Amino acid sequence: MKTIKIDGMMCERCVAHVKKALEKIGTNVEVSLQENKATLETDAEDKFIREVIEEAGYEVEEIL
């Protein structure tokens, strides 16, 4: 399970955009606008997760 702190999400449309991008690389994806974070089950490397989110137009603050 990975938790990603994301900067740049401002609305539910942003949440949907991030969720759609992350569903391509993991399962059980949940994105919270209030907490500015996403959680997902994945074996993907942190670098790849960061690239996916940045390609979607958002900034990764931290991956836990």
N, C-alpha and C. Protein backbone atom coordinates (compact mmCIF):
# COMPACT_ATOMS: atom_id res chain seq x y z
N MET A 1 0.85 -1.17 0.00
CA MET A 1 0.00 0.00 0.00
C MET A 1 0.90 1.24 0.00
N LYS A 2 0.61 2.16 -0.90
CA LYS A 2 1.37 3.41 -1.01
C LYS A 2 0.44 4.58 -0.70
N THR A 3 0.97 5.58 -0.03
CA THR A 3 0.26 6.83 0.22
C THR A 3 1.05 7.93 -0.45
N ILE A 4 0.38 8.74 -1.25
CA ILE A 4 1.04 9.79 -2.01
C ILE A 4 0.42 11.13 -1.64
N LYS A 5 1.24 12.04 -1.16
CA LYS A 5 0.78 13.40 -0.90
C LYS A 5 0.92 14.19 -2.19
N ILE A 6 -0.19 14.82 -2.61
CA ILE A 6 -0.26 15.46 -3.93
C ILE A 6 -0.59 16.94 -3.78
N ASP A 7 0.11 17.77 -4.52
CA ASP A 7 -0.15 19.21 -4.54
C ASP A 7 -0.79 19.57 -5.87
N GLY A 8 -1.76 20.47 -5.82
CA GLY A 8 -2.35 20.97 -7.06
C GLY A 8 -3.79 20.55 -7.29
N MET A 9 -4.32 19.64 -6.46
CA MET A 9 -5.73 19.26 -6.63
C MET A 9 -6.60 20.34 -6.01
N MET A 10 -7.59 20.84 -6.78
CA MET A 10 -8.41 21.93 -6.29
C MET A 10 -9.91 21.62 -6.28
N CYS A 11 -10.31 20.53 -6.95
CA CYS A 11 -11.74 20.24 -7.04
C CYS A 11 -11.95 18.74 -7.26
N GLU A 12 -13.20 18.34 -7.28
CA GLU A 12 -13.51 16.92 -7.48
C GLU A 12 -13.11 16.45 -8.88
N ARG A 13 -13.08 17.34 -9.82
CA ARG A 13 -12.63 16.98 -11.17
C ARG A 13 -11.14 16.59 -11.13
N CYS A 14 -10.36 17.31 -10.33
CA CYS A 14 -8.94 16.97 -10.14
C CYS A 14 -8.81 15.58 -9.51
N VAL A 15 -9.64 15.32 -8.51
CA VAL A 15 -9.63 14.02 -7.84
C VAL A 15 -9.89 12.91 -8.84
N ALA A 16 -10.89 13.09 -9.68
CA ALA A 16 -11.22 12.09 -10.68
C ALA A 16 -10.08 11.88 -11.67
N HIS A 17 -9.41 12.96 -12.04
CA HIS A 17 -8.29 12.89 -12.98
C HIS A 17 -7.13 12.10 -12.38
N VAL A 18 -6.79 12.38 -11.12
CA VAL A 18 -5.72 11.66 -10.44
C VAL A 18 -6.09 10.19 -10.27
N LYS A 19 -7.33 9.94 -9.86
CA LYS A 19 -7.77 8.55 -9.67
C LYS A 19 -7.67 7.75 -10.96
N LYS A 20 -8.12 8.33 -12.04
CA LYS A 20 -8.07 7.64 -13.33
C LYS A 20 -6.62 7.31 -13.72
N ALA A 21 -5.71 8.24 -13.49
CA ALA A 21 -4.30 8.01 -13.82
C ALA A 21 -3.71 6.89 -12.96
N LEU A 22 -4.04 6.90 -11.67
CA LEU A 22 -3.47 5.90 -10.76
C LEU A 22 -4.09 4.52 -10.95
N GLU A 23 -5.32 4.45 -11.41
CA GLU A 23 -5.95 3.15 -11.64
C GLU A 23 -5.24 2.36 -12.73
N LYS A 24 -4.45 3.02 -13.54
CA LYS A 24 -3.68 2.34 -14.58
C LYS A 24 -2.50 1.56 -14.01
N ILE A 25 -2.08 1.93 -12.78
CA ILE A 25 -0.89 1.28 -12.20
C ILE A 25 -1.16 0.59 -10.87
N GLY A 26 -2.39 0.66 -10.36
CA GLY A 26 -2.67 0.04 -9.08
C GLY A 26 -4.14 -0.27 -8.90
N THR A 27 -4.45 -0.87 -7.76
CA THR A 27 -5.83 -1.22 -7.44
C THR A 27 -6.23 -0.55 -6.13
N ASN A 28 -7.51 -0.60 -5.83
CA ASN A 28 -8.05 0.01 -4.60
C ASN A 28 -7.57 1.45 -4.44
N VAL A 29 -7.72 2.22 -5.48
CA VAL A 29 -7.26 3.61 -5.48
C VAL A 29 -8.30 4.50 -4.79
N GLU A 30 -7.84 5.28 -3.83
CA GLU A 30 -8.68 6.26 -3.17
C GLU A 30 -7.95 7.59 -3.18
N VAL A 31 -8.66 8.66 -3.53
CA VAL A 31 -8.06 9.99 -3.60
C VAL A 31 -8.89 10.93 -2.73
N SER A 32 -8.23 11.69 -1.86
CA SER A 32 -8.90 12.62 -0.96
C SER A 32 -8.50 14.05 -1.27
N LEU A 33 -9.48 14.86 -1.63
CA LEU A 33 -9.22 16.28 -1.87
C LEU A 33 -8.91 16.99 -0.55
N GLN A 34 -9.64 16.66 0.50
CA GLN A 34 -9.46 17.31 1.80
C GLN A 34 -8.07 17.07 2.38
N GLU A 35 -7.55 15.87 2.16
CA GLU A 35 -6.23 15.53 2.71
C GLU A 35 -5.11 15.66 1.69
N ASN A 36 -5.48 16.00 0.44
CA ASN A 36 -4.49 16.12 -0.64
C ASN A 36 -3.60 14.89 -0.73
N LYS A 37 -4.24 13.71 -0.75
CA LYS A 37 -3.46 12.49 -0.84
C LYS A 37 -4.22 11.42 -1.59
N ALA A 38 -3.47 10.42 -2.01
CA ALA A 38 -4.04 9.24 -2.65
C ALA A 38 -3.42 8.01 -2.02
N THR A 39 -4.19 6.93 -1.97
CA THR A 39 -3.67 5.66 -1.52
C THR A 39 -4.02 4.61 -2.57
N LEU A 40 -3.11 3.66 -2.75
CA LEU A 40 -3.36 2.60 -3.70
C LEU A 40 -2.47 1.41 -3.41
N GLU A 41 -2.91 0.26 -3.87
CA GLU A 41 -2.11 -0.95 -3.79
C GLU A 41 -1.38 -1.09 -5.11
N THR A 42 -0.06 -1.14 -5.04
CA THR A 42 0.75 -1.25 -6.26
C THR A 42 2.14 -1.75 -5.94
N ASP A 43 2.76 -2.36 -6.92
CA ASP A 43 4.16 -2.76 -6.82
C ASP A 43 5.05 -1.81 -7.62
N ALA A 44 4.45 -0.79 -8.19
CA ALA A 44 5.19 0.17 -9.02
C ALA A 44 6.22 0.92 -8.18
N GLU A 45 7.33 1.25 -8.80
CA GLU A 45 8.37 2.02 -8.12
C GLU A 45 7.90 3.46 -7.92
N ASP A 46 8.40 4.08 -6.86
CA ASP A 46 8.01 5.45 -6.54
C ASP A 46 8.26 6.41 -7.71
N LYS A 47 9.36 6.22 -8.40
CA LYS A 47 9.70 7.08 -9.53
C LYS A 47 8.60 7.02 -10.60
N PHE A 48 8.10 5.82 -10.88
CA PHE A 48 7.05 5.65 -11.88
C PHE A 48 5.75 6.29 -11.41
N ILE A 49 5.42 6.13 -10.14
CA ILE A 49 4.20 6.74 -9.58
C ILE A 49 4.29 8.26 -9.72
N ARG A 50 5.44 8.81 -9.39
CA ARG A 50 5.66 10.26 -9.51
C ARG A 50 5.46 10.71 -10.96
N GLU A 51 6.00 9.98 -11.89
CA GLU A 51 5.85 10.33 -13.32
C GLU A 51 4.39 10.32 -13.76
N VAL A 52 3.64 9.32 -13.32
CA VAL A 52 2.22 9.21 -13.69
C VAL A 52 1.44 10.43 -13.18
N ILE A 53 1.69 10.81 -11.94
CA ILE A 53 0.97 11.95 -11.36
C ILE A 53 1.40 13.25 -12.02
N GLU A 54 2.68 13.41 -12.28
CA GLU A 54 3.16 14.63 -12.93
C GLU A 54 2.64 14.74 -14.36
N GLU A 55 2.53 13.62 -15.06
CA GLU A 55 1.96 13.63 -16.41
C GLU A 55 0.49 14.05 -16.39
N ALA A 56 -0.19 13.76 -15.27
CA ALA A 56 -1.59 14.15 -15.11
C ALA A 56 -1.71 15.63 -14.75
N GLY A 57 -0.57 16.28 -14.45
CA GLY A 57 -0.58 17.72 -14.18
C GLY A 57 -0.50 18.13 -12.72
N TYR A 58 -0.09 17.20 -11.86
CA TYR A 58 -0.03 17.49 -10.43
C TYR A 58 1.38 17.23 -9.90
N GLU A 59 1.64 17.70 -8.69
CA GLU A 59 2.96 17.58 -8.12
C GLU A 59 2.93 16.63 -6.93
N VAL A 60 3.90 15.74 -6.86
CA VAL A 60 4.02 14.82 -5.74
C VAL A 60 4.86 15.47 -4.66
N GLU A 61 4.31 15.57 -3.45
CA GLU A 61 5.06 16.10 -2.33
C GLU A 61 5.87 15.01 -1.65
N GLU A 62 5.23 13.82 -1.53
CA GLU A 62 5.88 12.73 -0.79
C GLU A 62 5.17 11.43 -1.12
N ILE A 63 5.93 10.34 -1.14
CA ILE A 63 5.37 9.00 -1.30
C ILE A 63 5.79 8.19 -0.09
N LEU A 64 4.81 7.66 0.59
CA LEU A 64 5.06 6.87 1.79
C LEU A 64 4.70 5.41 1.56
